[in-house]
Amino acid sequence: RAIAETVIGTLGKGEIEFIDFPDHLKGSYQSFTQADMSRLRAAGYNGQFRTVETGVRDYVEWLKAQRSS
């Protein structure tokens, strides 16, 4: 939901419509994903990561700029 809200907020239009998840797909998709960044940090990477919301917003802005050029 947070991603959809970020896209809608960045575009300034749109709405969220909830639909039931198809029964035949249940069990085929995980409902939660979280990266384990410990190995990247252990390898010496000390940079900052973007939040999902920031990354999505920046990507949508980039897409908008591509359409304009």
PDB file of N, CA and C in Angstrom:
ATOM      1  N   ARG A   1       0.823  -1.195   0.000  1.00  0.00           N
ATOM      2  CA  ARG A   1       0.000   0.000   0.000  1.00  0.00           C
ATOM      3  C   ARG A   1       0.863   1.254   0.000  1.00  0.00           C
ATOM      4  N   ALA A   2       1.980   1.238   0.746  1.00  0.00           N
ATOM      5  CA  ALA A   2       2.850   2.411   0.822  1.00  0.00           C
ATOM      6  C   ALA A   2       3.412   2.775  -0.546  1.00  0.00           C
ATOM      7  N   ILE A   3       3.739   1.774  -1.350  1.00  0.00           N
ATOM      8  CA  ILE A   3       4.266   2.049  -2.688  1.00  0.00           C
ATOM      9  C   ILE A   3       3.194   2.704  -3.549  1.00  0.00           C
ATOM     10  N   ALA A   4       1.994   2.160  -3.526  1.00  0.00           N
ATOM     11  CA  ALA A   4       0.896   2.743  -4.310  1.00  0.00           C
ATOM     12  C   ALA A   4       0.623   4.174  -3.873  1.00  0.00           C
ATOM     13  N   GLU A   5       0.618   4.418  -2.579  1.00  0.00           N
ATOM     14  CA  GLU A   5       0.370   5.771  -2.075  1.00  0.00           C
ATOM     15  C   GLU A   5       1.476   6.724  -2.510  1.00  0.00           C
ATOM     16  N   THR A   6       2.718   6.248  -2.546  1.00  0.00           N
ATOM     17  CA  THR A   6       3.833   7.082  -2.989  1.00  0.00           C
ATOM     18  C   THR A   6       3.697   7.416  -4.468  1.00  0.00           C
ATOM     19  N   VAL A   7       3.345   6.436  -5.286  1.00  0.00           N
ATOM     20  CA  VAL A   7       3.158   6.676  -6.720  1.00  0.00           C
ATOM     21  C   VAL A   7       2.026   7.672  -6.940  1.00  0.00           C
ATOM     22  N   ILE A   8       0.914   7.479  -6.279  1.00  0.00           N
ATOM     23  CA  ILE A   8      -0.228   8.383  -6.419  1.00  0.00           C
ATOM     24  C   ILE A   8       0.147   9.791  -5.969  1.00  0.00           C
ATOM     25  N   GLY A   9       0.841   9.890  -4.853  1.00  0.00           N
ATOM     26  CA  GLY A   9       1.258  11.200  -4.363  1.00  0.00           C
ATOM     27  C   GLY A   9       2.217  11.899  -5.307  1.00  0.00           C
ATOM     28  N   THR A  10       3.120  11.140  -5.919  1.00  0.00           N
ATOM     29  CA  THR A  10       4.096  11.721  -6.835  1.00  0.00           C
ATOM     30  C   THR A  10       3.441  12.149  -8.142  1.00  0.00           C
ATOM     31  N   LEU A  11       2.516  11.340  -8.627  1.00  0.00           N
ATOM     32  CA  LEU A  11       1.825  11.675  -9.877  1.00  0.00           C
ATOM     33  C   LEU A  11       0.723  12.703  -9.672  1.00  0.00           C
ATOM     34  N   GLY A  12       0.225  12.792  -8.444  1.00  0.00           N
ATOM     35  CA  GLY A  12      -0.857  13.722  -8.159  1.00  0.00           C
ATOM     36  C   GLY A  12      -2.210  13.234  -8.634  1.00  0.00           C
ATOM     37  N   LYS A  13      -2.301  11.938  -8.940  1.00  0.00           N
ATOM     38  CA  LYS A  13      -3.582  11.375  -9.364  1.00  0.00           C
ATOM     39  C   LYS A  13      -3.549   9.867  -9.166  1.00  0.00           C
ATOM     40  N   GLY A  14      -4.721   9.290  -9.191  1.00  0.00           N
ATOM     41  CA  GLY A  14      -4.848   7.846  -9.054  1.00  0.00           C
ATOM     42  C   GLY A  14      -5.599   7.485  -7.788  1.00  0.00           C
ATOM     43  N   GLU A  15      -5.933   6.228  -7.679  1.00  0.00           N
ATOM     44  CA  GLU A  15      -6.607   5.739  -6.485  1.00  0.00           C
ATOM     45  C   GLU A  15      -6.268   4.267  -6.303  1.00  0.00           C
ATOM     46  N   ILE A  16      -6.384   3.812  -5.096  1.00  0.00           N
ATOM     47  CA  ILE A  16      -6.117   2.417  -4.772  1.00  0.00           C
ATOM     48  C   ILE A  16      -7.432   1.654  -4.816  1.00  0.00           C
ATOM     49  N   GLU A  17      -7.423   0.570  -5.549  1.00  0.00           N
ATOM     50  CA  GLU A  17      -8.587  -0.314  -5.598  1.00  0.00           C
ATOM     51  C   GLU A  17      -8.134  -1.688  -5.126  1.00  0.00           C
ATOM     52  N   PHE A  18      -8.717  -2.152  -4.050  1.00  0.00           N
ATOM     53  CA  PHE A  18      -8.350  -3.451  -3.500  1.00  0.00           C
ATOM     54  C   PHE A  18      -9.152  -4.550  -4.178  1.00  0.00           C
ATOM     55  N   ILE A  19      -8.456  -5.628  -4.523  1.00  0.00           N
ATOM     56  CA  ILE A  19      -9.116  -6.808  -5.073  1.00  0.00           C
ATOM     57  C   ILE A  19      -8.658  -8.021  -4.271  1.00  0.00           C
ATOM     58  N   ASP A  20      -9.477  -9.039  -4.237  1.00  0.00           N
ATOM     59  CA  ASP A  20      -9.112 -10.259  -3.536  1.00  0.00           C
ATOM     60  C   ASP A  20      -7.977 -10.955  -4.274  1.00  0.00           C
ATOM     61  N   PHE A  21      -7.066 -11.532  -3.493  1.00  0.00           N
ATOM     62  CA  PHE A  21      -5.962 -12.285  -4.076  1.00  0.00           C
ATOM     63  C   PHE A  21      -6.519 -13.599  -4.620  1.00  0.00           C
ATOM     64  N   PRO A  22      -6.194 -13.940  -5.863  1.00  0.00           N
ATOM     65  CA  PRO A  22      -6.745 -15.169  -6.448  1.00  0.00           C
ATOM     66  C   PRO A  22      -6.342 -16.420  -5.661  1.00  0.00           C
ATOM     67  N   ASP A  23      -7.316 -17.258  -5.380  1.00  0.00           N
ATOM     68  CA  ASP A  23      -7.062 -18.474  -4.611  1.00  0.00           C
ATOM     69  C   ASP A  23      -5.986 -19.345  -5.244  1.00  0.00           C
ATOM     70  N   HIS A  24      -5.969 -19.440  -6.561  1.00  0.00           N
ATOM     71  CA  HIS A  24      -5.008 -20.331  -7.217  1.00  0.00           C
ATOM     72  C   HIS A  24      -3.563 -19.835  -7.112  1.00  0.00           C
ATOM     73  N   LEU A  25      -3.367 -18.599  -6.685  1.00  0.00           N
ATOM     74  CA  LEU A  25      -2.019 -18.067  -6.515  1.00  0.00           C
ATOM     75  C   LEU A  25      -1.556 -18.067  -5.060  1.00  0.00           C
ATOM     76  N   LYS A  26      -2.459 -18.330  -4.146  1.00  0.00           N
ATOM     77  CA  LYS A  26      -2.089 -18.351  -2.731  1.00  0.00           C
ATOM     78  C   LYS A  26      -1.056 -19.444  -2.502  1.00  0.00           C
ATOM     79  N   GLY A  27      -0.026 -19.093  -1.757  1.00  0.00           N
ATOM     80  CA  GLY A  27       1.061 -20.025  -1.512  1.00  0.00           C
ATOM     81  C   GLY A  27       2.178 -19.925  -2.542  1.00  0.00           C
ATOM     82  N   SER A  28       1.941 -19.192  -3.622  1.00  0.00           N
ATOM     83  CA  SER A  28       2.951 -19.034  -4.667  1.00  0.00           C
ATOM     84  C   SER A  28       3.766 -17.755  -4.503  1.00  0.00           C
ATOM     85  N   TYR A  29       3.271 -16.841  -3.702  1.00  0.00           N
ATOM     86  CA  TYR A  29       3.939 -15.567  -3.486  1.00  0.00           C
ATOM     87  C   TYR A  29       4.122 -15.341  -1.998  1.00  0.00           C
ATOM     88  N   GLN A  30       5.287 -14.805  -1.646  1.00  0.00           N
ATOM     89  CA  GLN A  30       5.495 -14.478  -0.240  1.00  0.00           C
ATOM     90  C   GLN A  30       4.848 -13.137   0.058  1.00  0.00           C
ATOM     91  N   SER A  31       4.349 -12.988   1.257  1.00  0.00           N
ATOM     92  CA  SER A  31       3.630 -11.767   1.608  1.00  0.00           C
ATOM     93  C   SER A  31       4.536 -10.699   2.217  1.00  0.00           C
ATOM     94  N   PHE A  32       5.764 -11.066   2.555  1.00  0.00           N
ATOM     95  CA  PHE A  32       6.675 -10.105   3.176  1.00  0.00           C
ATOM     96  C   PHE A  32       8.088 -10.403   2.706  1.00  0.00           C
ATOM     97  N   THR A  33       8.837  -9.365   2.361  1.00  0.00           N
ATOM     98  CA  THR A  33      10.232  -9.506   1.957  1.00  0.00           C
ATOM     99  C   THR A  33      11.044  -8.442   2.665  1.00  0.00           C
ATOM    100  N   GLN A  34      12.170  -8.858   3.208  1.00  0.00           N
ATOM    101  CA  GLN A  34      13.082  -7.911   3.839  1.00  0.00           C
ATOM    102  C   GLN A  34      14.499  -8.382   3.571  1.00  0.00           C
ATOM    103  N   ALA A  35      15.310  -7.509   3.009  1.00  0.00           N
ATOM    104  CA  ALA A  35      16.683  -7.864   2.679  1.00  0.00           C
ATOM    105  C   ALA A  35      17.542  -7.922   3.934  1.00  0.00           C
ATOM    106  N   ASP A  36      18.463  -8.876   3.948  1.00  0.00           N
ATOM    107  CA  ASP A  36      19.472  -8.961   5.002  1.00  0.00           C
ATOM    108  C   ASP A  36      20.733  -8.318   4.442  1.00  0.00           C
ATOM    109  N   MET A  37      21.054  -7.138   4.909  1.00  0.00           N
ATOM    110  CA  MET A  37      22.174  -6.379   4.373  1.00  0.00           C
ATOM    111  C   MET A  37      23.475  -6.626   5.128  1.00  0.00           C
ATOM    112  N   SER A  38      23.492  -7.556   6.062  1.00  0.00           N
ATOM    113  CA  SER A  38      24.664  -7.775   6.913  1.00  0.00           C
ATOM    114  C   SER A  38      25.903  -8.167   6.113  1.00  0.00           C
ATOM    115  N   ARG A  39      25.767  -8.981   5.087  1.00  0.00           N
ATOM    116  CA  ARG A  39      26.939  -9.384   4.301  1.00  0.00           C
ATOM    117  C   ARG A  39      27.487  -8.217   3.487  1.00  0.00           C
ATOM    118  N   LEU A  40      26.620  -7.365   3.009  1.00  0.00           N
ATOM    119  CA  LEU A  40      27.068  -6.182   2.285  1.00  0.00           C
ATOM    120  C   LEU A  40      27.832  -5.255   3.220  1.00  0.00           C
ATOM    121  N   ARG A  41      27.309  -5.060   4.414  1.00  0.00           N
ATOM    122  CA  ARG A  41      28.001  -4.238   5.412  1.00  0.00           C
ATOM    123  C   ARG A  41      29.328  -4.883   5.813  1.00  0.00           C
ATOM    124  N   ALA A  42      29.333  -6.201   5.987  1.00  0.00           N
ATOM    125  CA  ALA A  42      30.557  -6.912   6.369  1.00  0.00           C
ATOM    126  C   ALA A  42      31.624  -6.797   5.280  1.00  0.00           C
ATOM    127  N   ALA A  43      31.193  -6.630   4.035  1.00  0.00           N
ATOM    128  CA  ALA A  43      32.130  -6.479   2.922  1.00  0.00           C
ATOM    129  C   ALA A  43      32.683  -5.064   2.836  1.00  0.00           C
ATOM    130  N   GLY A  44      32.205  -4.173   3.715  1.00  0.00           N
ATOM    131  CA  GLY A  44      32.756  -2.831   3.776  1.00  0.00           C
ATOM    132  C   GLY A  44      31.878  -1.723   3.236  1.00  0.00           C
ATOM    133  N   TYR A  45      30.681  -2.041   2.757  1.00  0.00           N
ATOM    134  CA  TYR A  45      29.803  -0.989   2.257  1.00  0.00           C
ATOM    135  C   TYR A  45      29.211  -0.227   3.426  1.00  0.00           C
ATOM    136  N   ASN A  46      29.467   1.087   3.447  1.00  0.00           N
ATOM    137  CA  ASN A  46      28.975   1.920   4.538  1.00  0.00           C
ATOM    138  C   ASN A  46      28.041   3.022   4.057  1.00  0.00           C
ATOM    139  N   GLY A  47      27.642   2.952   2.805  1.00  0.00           N
ATOM    140  CA  GLY A  47      26.752   3.971   2.258  1.00  0.00           C
ATOM    141  C   GLY A  47      25.357   3.888   2.847  1.00  0.00           C
ATOM    142  N   GLN A  48      24.603   4.938   2.620  1.00  0.00           N
ATOM    143  CA  GLN A  48      23.224   4.957   3.096  1.00  0.00           C
ATOM    144  C   GLN A  48      22.313   4.340   2.048  1.00  0.00           C
ATOM    145  N   PHE A  49      21.239   3.757   2.507  1.00  0.00           N
ATOM    146  CA  PHE A  49      20.235   3.192   1.623  1.00  0.00           C
ATOM    147  C   PHE A  49      19.036   4.126   1.590  1.00  0.00           C
ATOM    148  N   ARG A  50      18.334   4.091   0.485  1.00  0.00           N
ATOM    149  CA  ARG A  50      17.097   4.848   0.377  1.00  0.00           C
ATOM    150  C   ARG A  50      15.967   4.034   0.986  1.00  0.00           C
ATOM    151  N   THR A  51      14.973   4.732   1.461  1.00  0.00           N
ATOM    152  CA  THR A  51      13.758   4.027   1.858  1.00  0.00           C
ATOM    153  C   THR A  51      13.039   3.606   0.578  1.00  0.00           C
ATOM    154  N   VAL A  52      12.150   2.666   0.688  1.00  0.00           N
ATOM    155  CA  VAL A  52      11.362   2.256  -0.476  1.00  0.00           C
ATOM    156  C   VAL A  52      10.588   3.452  -1.016  1.00  0.00           C
ATOM    157  N   GLU A  53      10.001   4.227  -0.124  1.00  0.00           N
ATOM    158  CA  GLU A  53       9.212   5.378  -0.549  1.00  0.00           C
ATOM    159  C   GLU A  53      10.064   6.386  -1.318  1.00  0.00           C
ATOM    160  N   THR A  54      11.271   6.670  -0.827  1.00  0.00           N
ATOM    161  CA  THR A  54      12.153   7.615  -1.510  1.00  0.00           C
ATOM    162  C   THR A  54      12.574   7.076  -2.868  1.00  0.00           C
ATOM    163  N   GLY A  55      12.931   5.802  -2.923  1.00  0.00           N
ATOM    164  CA  GLY A  55      13.325   5.194  -4.192  1.00  0.00           C
ATOM    165  C   GLY A  55      12.200   5.198  -5.206  1.00  0.00           C
ATOM    166  N   VAL A  56      10.998   4.865  -4.771  1.00  0.00           N
ATOM    167  CA  VAL A  56       9.841   4.856  -5.674  1.00  0.00           C
ATOM    168  C   VAL A  56       9.551   6.268  -6.163  1.00  0.00           C
ATOM    169  N   ARG A  57       9.553   7.231  -5.257  1.00  0.00           N
ATOM    170  CA  ARG A  57       9.286   8.622  -5.648  1.00  0.00           C
ATOM    171  C   ARG A  57      10.315   9.101  -6.672  1.00  0.00           C
ATOM    172  N   ASP A  58      11.598   8.847  -6.397  1.00  0.00           N
ATOM    173  CA  ASP A  58      12.645   9.282  -7.323  1.00  0.00           C
ATOM    174  C   ASP A  58      12.511   8.597  -8.680  1.00  0.00           C
ATOM    175  N   TYR A  59      12.147   7.325  -8.682  1.00  0.00           N
ATOM    176  CA  TYR A  59      11.977   6.589  -9.937  1.00  0.00           C
ATOM    177  C   TYR A  59      10.788   7.123 -10.736  1.00  0.00           C
ATOM    178  N   VAL A  60       9.691   7.392 -10.070  1.00  0.00           N
ATOM    179  CA  VAL A  60       8.521   7.941 -10.763  1.00  0.00           C
ATOM    180  C   VAL A  60       8.857   9.319 -11.335  1.00  0.00           C
ATOM    181  N   GLU A  61       9.576  10.125 -10.583  1.00  0.00           N
ATOM    182  CA  GLU A  61       9.994  11.442 -11.088  1.00  0.00           C
ATOM    183  C   GLU A  61      10.893  11.279 -12.310  1.00  0.00           C
ATOM    184  N   TRP A  62      11.795  10.308 -12.278  1.00  0.00           N
ATOM    185  CA  TRP A  62      12.677  10.043 -13.413  1.00  0.00           C
ATOM    186  C   TRP A  62      11.852   9.621 -14.631  1.00  0.00           C
ATOM    187  N   LEU A  63      10.878   8.727 -14.424  1.00  0.00           N
ATOM    188  CA  LEU A  63      10.015   8.301 -15.528  1.00  0.00           C
ATOM    189  C   LEU A  63       9.260   9.480 -16.130  1.00  0.00           C
ATOM    190  N   LYS A  64       8.758  10.367 -15.272  1.00  0.00           N
ATOM    191  CA  LYS A  64       8.044  11.549 -15.761  1.00  0.00           C
ATOM    192  C   LYS A  64       8.965  12.415 -16.615  1.00  0.00           C
ATOM    193  N   ALA A  65      10.209  12.571 -16.180  1.00  0.00           N
ATOM    194  CA  ALA A  65      11.173  13.379 -16.930  1.00  0.00           C
ATOM    195  C   ALA A  65      11.492  12.735 -18.277  1.00  0.00           C
ATOM    196  N   GLN A  66      11.556  11.411 -18.331  1.00  0.00           N
ATOM    197  CA  GLN A  66      11.833  10.710 -19.589  1.00  0.00           C
ATOM    198  C   GLN A  66      10.704  10.913 -20.593  1.00  0.00           C
ATOM    199  N   ARG A  67       9.486  10.934 -20.100  1.00  0.00           N
ATOM    200  CA  ARG A  67       8.330  11.131 -20.989  1.00  0.00           C
ATOM    201  C   ARG A  67       8.294  12.552 -21.533  1.00  0.00           C
ATOM    202  N   SER A  68       8.846  13.494 -20.766  1.00  0.00           N
ATOM    203  CA  SER A  68       8.818  14.903 -21.167  1.00  0.00           C
ATOM    204  C   SER A  68       9.903  15.236 -22.185  1.00  0.00           C
ATOM    205  N   SER A  69      10.940  14.402 -22.243  1.00  0.00           N
ATOM    206  CA  SER A  69      12.068  14.736 -23.137  1.00  0.00           C
ATOM    207  C   SER A  69      12.009  14.012 -24.453  1.00  0.00           C
TER     208      SER A  69
END
